[in-house]
N, C-alpha and C. Protein backbone atom coordinates (compact mmCIF):
# COMPACT_ATOMS: atom_id res chain seq x y z
N MET A 1 -69.71 -42.43 22.37
CA MET A 1 -71.10 -42.49 21.97
C MET A 1 -71.77 -41.17 22.33
N SER A 2 -72.87 -40.91 21.69
CA SER A 2 -73.66 -39.74 22.05
C SER A 2 -75.11 -40.18 22.14
N GLU A 3 -75.95 -39.36 22.73
CA GLU A 3 -77.36 -39.72 22.89
C GLU A 3 -78.02 -39.90 21.53
N HIS A 4 -78.83 -40.96 21.43
CA HIS A 4 -79.60 -41.23 20.22
C HIS A 4 -80.83 -42.05 20.60
N SER A 5 -81.72 -42.26 19.65
CA SER A 5 -82.95 -43.02 19.90
C SER A 5 -82.66 -44.52 19.88
N CYS A 6 -83.32 -45.24 20.77
CA CYS A 6 -83.22 -46.69 20.82
C CYS A 6 -83.92 -47.28 19.59
N GLU A 7 -83.29 -48.26 18.98
CA GLU A 7 -83.88 -48.87 17.79
C GLU A 7 -85.04 -49.80 18.12
N TYR A 8 -85.24 -50.13 19.40
CA TYR A 8 -86.30 -51.05 19.79
C TYR A 8 -87.54 -50.35 20.32
N CYS A 9 -87.35 -49.26 21.12
CA CYS A 9 -88.52 -48.66 21.76
C CYS A 9 -88.59 -47.14 21.60
N ASP A 10 -87.66 -46.54 20.90
CA ASP A 10 -87.59 -45.09 20.72
C ASP A 10 -87.28 -44.32 22.01
N GLY A 11 -86.81 -45.01 23.04
CA GLY A 11 -86.30 -44.33 24.23
C GLY A 11 -84.99 -43.63 23.89
N ILE A 12 -84.41 -42.95 24.85
CA ILE A 12 -83.13 -42.26 24.64
C ILE A 12 -81.99 -43.13 25.18
N VAL A 13 -80.98 -43.34 24.34
CA VAL A 13 -79.79 -44.10 24.74
C VAL A 13 -78.77 -43.12 25.30
N ARG A 14 -78.36 -43.36 26.56
CA ARG A 14 -77.44 -42.46 27.24
C ARG A 14 -76.14 -43.20 27.59
N ASP A 15 -75.04 -42.46 27.57
CA ASP A 15 -73.73 -43.03 27.88
C ASP A 15 -73.62 -43.36 29.37
N ARG A 16 -73.03 -44.52 29.64
CA ARG A 16 -72.76 -44.95 31.01
C ARG A 16 -71.45 -45.72 31.02
N ILE A 17 -70.93 -45.96 32.18
CA ILE A 17 -69.78 -46.85 32.37
C ILE A 17 -70.26 -48.01 33.24
N LEU A 18 -70.15 -49.22 32.73
CA LEU A 18 -70.51 -50.39 33.52
C LEU A 18 -69.27 -50.86 34.27
N PRO A 19 -69.38 -51.06 35.58
CA PRO A 19 -68.22 -51.49 36.34
C PRO A 19 -67.75 -52.89 35.95
N ARG A 20 -68.69 -53.75 35.52
CA ARG A 20 -68.35 -55.13 35.19
C ARG A 20 -69.47 -55.72 34.36
N HIS A 21 -69.11 -56.41 33.26
CA HIS A 21 -70.14 -57.00 32.41
C HIS A 21 -69.58 -58.23 31.71
N GLY A 22 -70.38 -59.29 31.65
CA GLY A 22 -69.98 -60.53 30.99
C GLY A 22 -70.50 -60.59 29.56
N PHE A 23 -69.69 -61.14 28.67
CA PHE A 23 -70.04 -61.29 27.26
C PHE A 23 -69.90 -62.75 26.86
N ASN A 24 -70.91 -63.29 26.19
CA ASN A 24 -70.80 -64.61 25.58
C ASN A 24 -70.24 -64.44 24.18
N HIS A 25 -69.18 -65.16 23.88
CA HIS A 25 -68.53 -65.14 22.56
C HIS A 25 -68.61 -66.56 22.02
N ALA A 26 -68.54 -66.72 20.72
CA ALA A 26 -68.59 -68.06 20.11
C ALA A 26 -67.52 -68.98 20.69
N VAL A 27 -66.40 -68.41 21.12
CA VAL A 27 -65.28 -69.20 21.63
C VAL A 27 -65.32 -69.36 23.15
N GLY A 28 -65.96 -68.44 23.86
CA GLY A 28 -65.99 -68.52 25.31
C GLY A 28 -66.66 -67.33 25.95
N PHE A 29 -66.44 -67.19 27.24
CA PHE A 29 -67.05 -66.15 28.05
C PHE A 29 -65.97 -65.16 28.48
N VAL A 30 -66.26 -63.86 28.37
CA VAL A 30 -65.29 -62.82 28.71
C VAL A 30 -65.97 -61.80 29.63
N ILE A 31 -65.25 -61.36 30.64
CA ILE A 31 -65.72 -60.29 31.52
C ILE A 31 -64.85 -59.07 31.28
N LEU A 32 -65.50 -57.93 31.03
CA LEU A 32 -64.78 -56.66 30.92
C LEU A 32 -65.19 -55.77 32.08
N GLU A 33 -64.28 -54.92 32.50
CA GLU A 33 -64.55 -53.99 33.59
C GLU A 33 -64.42 -52.55 33.11
N ASN A 34 -65.25 -51.68 33.69
CA ASN A 34 -65.23 -50.24 33.38
C ASN A 34 -65.38 -49.97 31.89
N ILE A 35 -66.45 -50.50 31.32
CA ILE A 35 -66.64 -50.36 29.87
C ILE A 35 -67.68 -49.29 29.55
N PRO A 36 -67.40 -48.50 28.52
CA PRO A 36 -68.38 -47.52 28.06
C PRO A 36 -69.50 -48.24 27.32
N VAL A 37 -70.72 -47.84 27.60
CA VAL A 37 -71.87 -48.48 26.97
C VAL A 37 -72.99 -47.45 26.86
N GLY A 38 -73.80 -47.58 25.82
CA GLY A 38 -75.02 -46.80 25.72
C GLY A 38 -76.16 -47.64 26.27
N VAL A 39 -76.99 -47.07 27.14
CA VAL A 39 -78.10 -47.81 27.75
C VAL A 39 -79.39 -47.04 27.51
N CYS A 40 -80.39 -47.72 26.97
CA CYS A 40 -81.69 -47.09 26.73
C CYS A 40 -82.37 -46.81 28.07
N ASP A 41 -82.88 -45.59 28.23
CA ASP A 41 -83.52 -45.21 29.48
C ASP A 41 -84.91 -45.80 29.65
N GLN A 42 -85.47 -46.43 28.60
CA GLN A 42 -86.79 -47.05 28.72
C GLN A 42 -86.71 -48.57 28.81
N CYS A 43 -86.06 -49.21 27.83
CA CYS A 43 -86.05 -50.68 27.78
C CYS A 43 -84.76 -51.30 28.31
N GLY A 44 -83.72 -50.49 28.51
CA GLY A 44 -82.47 -51.00 29.06
C GLY A 44 -81.54 -51.68 28.07
N ASN A 45 -81.88 -51.66 26.78
CA ASN A 45 -81.00 -52.28 25.78
C ASN A 45 -79.62 -51.63 25.82
N HIS A 46 -78.58 -52.45 25.63
CA HIS A 46 -77.20 -51.97 25.65
C HIS A 46 -76.66 -51.81 24.23
N TYR A 47 -75.88 -50.76 24.01
CA TYR A 47 -75.21 -50.50 22.74
C TYR A 47 -73.72 -50.37 23.01
N TYR A 48 -72.90 -51.16 22.29
CA TYR A 48 -71.45 -51.18 22.49
C TYR A 48 -70.73 -50.63 21.28
N ASP A 49 -69.65 -49.88 21.53
CA ASP A 49 -68.78 -49.42 20.45
C ASP A 49 -68.01 -50.61 19.89
N ALA A 50 -67.54 -50.47 18.66
CA ALA A 50 -66.76 -51.52 18.02
C ALA A 50 -65.49 -51.83 18.81
N VAL A 51 -64.91 -50.83 19.46
CA VAL A 51 -63.69 -51.04 20.26
C VAL A 51 -63.94 -52.05 21.38
N VAL A 52 -65.09 -51.95 22.03
CA VAL A 52 -65.44 -52.87 23.11
C VAL A 52 -65.60 -54.28 22.56
N LEU A 53 -66.34 -54.43 21.47
CA LEU A 53 -66.58 -55.75 20.90
C LEU A 53 -65.30 -56.37 20.35
N LYS A 54 -64.41 -55.54 19.84
CA LYS A 54 -63.11 -56.04 19.37
C LYS A 54 -62.31 -56.58 20.55
N ARG A 55 -62.33 -55.88 21.68
CA ARG A 55 -61.61 -56.34 22.86
C ARG A 55 -62.17 -57.68 23.35
N VAL A 56 -63.49 -57.84 23.32
CA VAL A 56 -64.10 -59.12 23.69
C VAL A 56 -63.56 -60.23 22.79
N HIS A 57 -63.55 -59.98 21.49
CA HIS A 57 -63.05 -60.97 20.53
C HIS A 57 -61.58 -61.30 20.78
N GLU A 58 -60.76 -60.28 21.00
CA GLU A 58 -59.33 -60.50 21.24
C GLU A 58 -59.09 -61.34 22.49
N LEU A 59 -59.81 -61.07 23.55
CA LEU A 59 -59.65 -61.83 24.78
C LEU A 59 -60.17 -63.26 24.63
N ALA A 60 -61.31 -63.42 23.98
CA ALA A 60 -61.90 -64.75 23.82
C ALA A 60 -61.06 -65.66 22.94
N THR A 61 -60.42 -65.09 21.93
CA THR A 61 -59.64 -65.90 20.98
C THR A 61 -58.17 -66.01 21.34
N GLY A 62 -57.75 -65.36 22.43
CA GLY A 62 -56.35 -65.44 22.85
C GLY A 62 -55.42 -64.49 22.14
N GLN A 63 -55.96 -63.57 21.34
CA GLN A 63 -55.13 -62.58 20.66
C GLN A 63 -54.58 -61.54 21.64
N ARG A 64 -55.22 -61.42 22.78
CA ARG A 64 -54.80 -60.48 23.83
C ARG A 64 -54.85 -61.23 25.16
N SER A 65 -53.87 -61.00 26.00
CA SER A 65 -53.84 -61.64 27.32
C SER A 65 -54.75 -60.88 28.28
N PRO A 66 -55.48 -61.61 29.12
CA PRO A 66 -56.35 -60.94 30.09
C PRO A 66 -55.54 -60.33 31.23
N ALA A 67 -56.12 -59.33 31.89
CA ALA A 67 -55.48 -58.73 33.07
C ALA A 67 -55.40 -59.76 34.19
N ARG A 68 -56.39 -60.62 34.28
CA ARG A 68 -56.41 -61.72 35.24
C ARG A 68 -57.46 -62.73 34.79
N THR A 69 -57.45 -63.89 35.38
CA THR A 69 -58.42 -64.93 35.07
C THR A 69 -59.17 -65.27 36.35
N GLU A 70 -60.49 -65.43 36.24
CA GLU A 70 -61.31 -65.80 37.39
C GLU A 70 -62.04 -67.10 37.10
N VAL A 71 -62.33 -67.85 38.13
CA VAL A 71 -63.09 -69.09 38.01
C VAL A 71 -64.57 -68.74 38.10
N VAL A 72 -65.37 -69.26 37.16
CA VAL A 72 -66.80 -69.00 37.15
C VAL A 72 -67.54 -70.30 37.44
N PRO A 73 -68.31 -70.37 38.53
CA PRO A 73 -69.05 -71.59 38.83
C PRO A 73 -70.16 -71.83 37.80
N VAL A 74 -70.35 -73.09 37.45
CA VAL A 74 -71.39 -73.47 36.49
C VAL A 74 -72.22 -74.58 37.13
N GLY A 75 -73.53 -74.47 37.02
CA GLY A 75 -74.42 -75.48 37.57
C GLY A 75 -75.60 -75.71 36.66
N SER A 76 -76.43 -76.65 37.00
CA SER A 76 -77.66 -76.90 36.23
C SER A 76 -78.81 -77.10 37.20
N ILE A 77 -80.01 -76.96 36.68
CA ILE A 77 -81.20 -77.12 37.51
C ILE A 77 -81.93 -78.37 37.06
C-alpha cells in the first residue's frame, strides 16, 4: 500500500503492521498476526489489501490450515 486519502474523512492513510487483528467472516472468526494494513491518521479506518482478505477467507472456509487454533471466550450481558 502507499499513502492515500481516506474515503471517509480525507485524512491520510499510512502503512502499518498490526501485531494481531480479528476478522469476522460469514463462516467464522479468524485472527491474523503481523498483517499489513493502511490506517487513517484522523479517523482510524483500516484498509486491507486483497491478499489479506483472501487469507481470511481461506482460513475461515478451511481452504488453508491455520498456524494454530486458540479458544476464544464468549459471553453475554
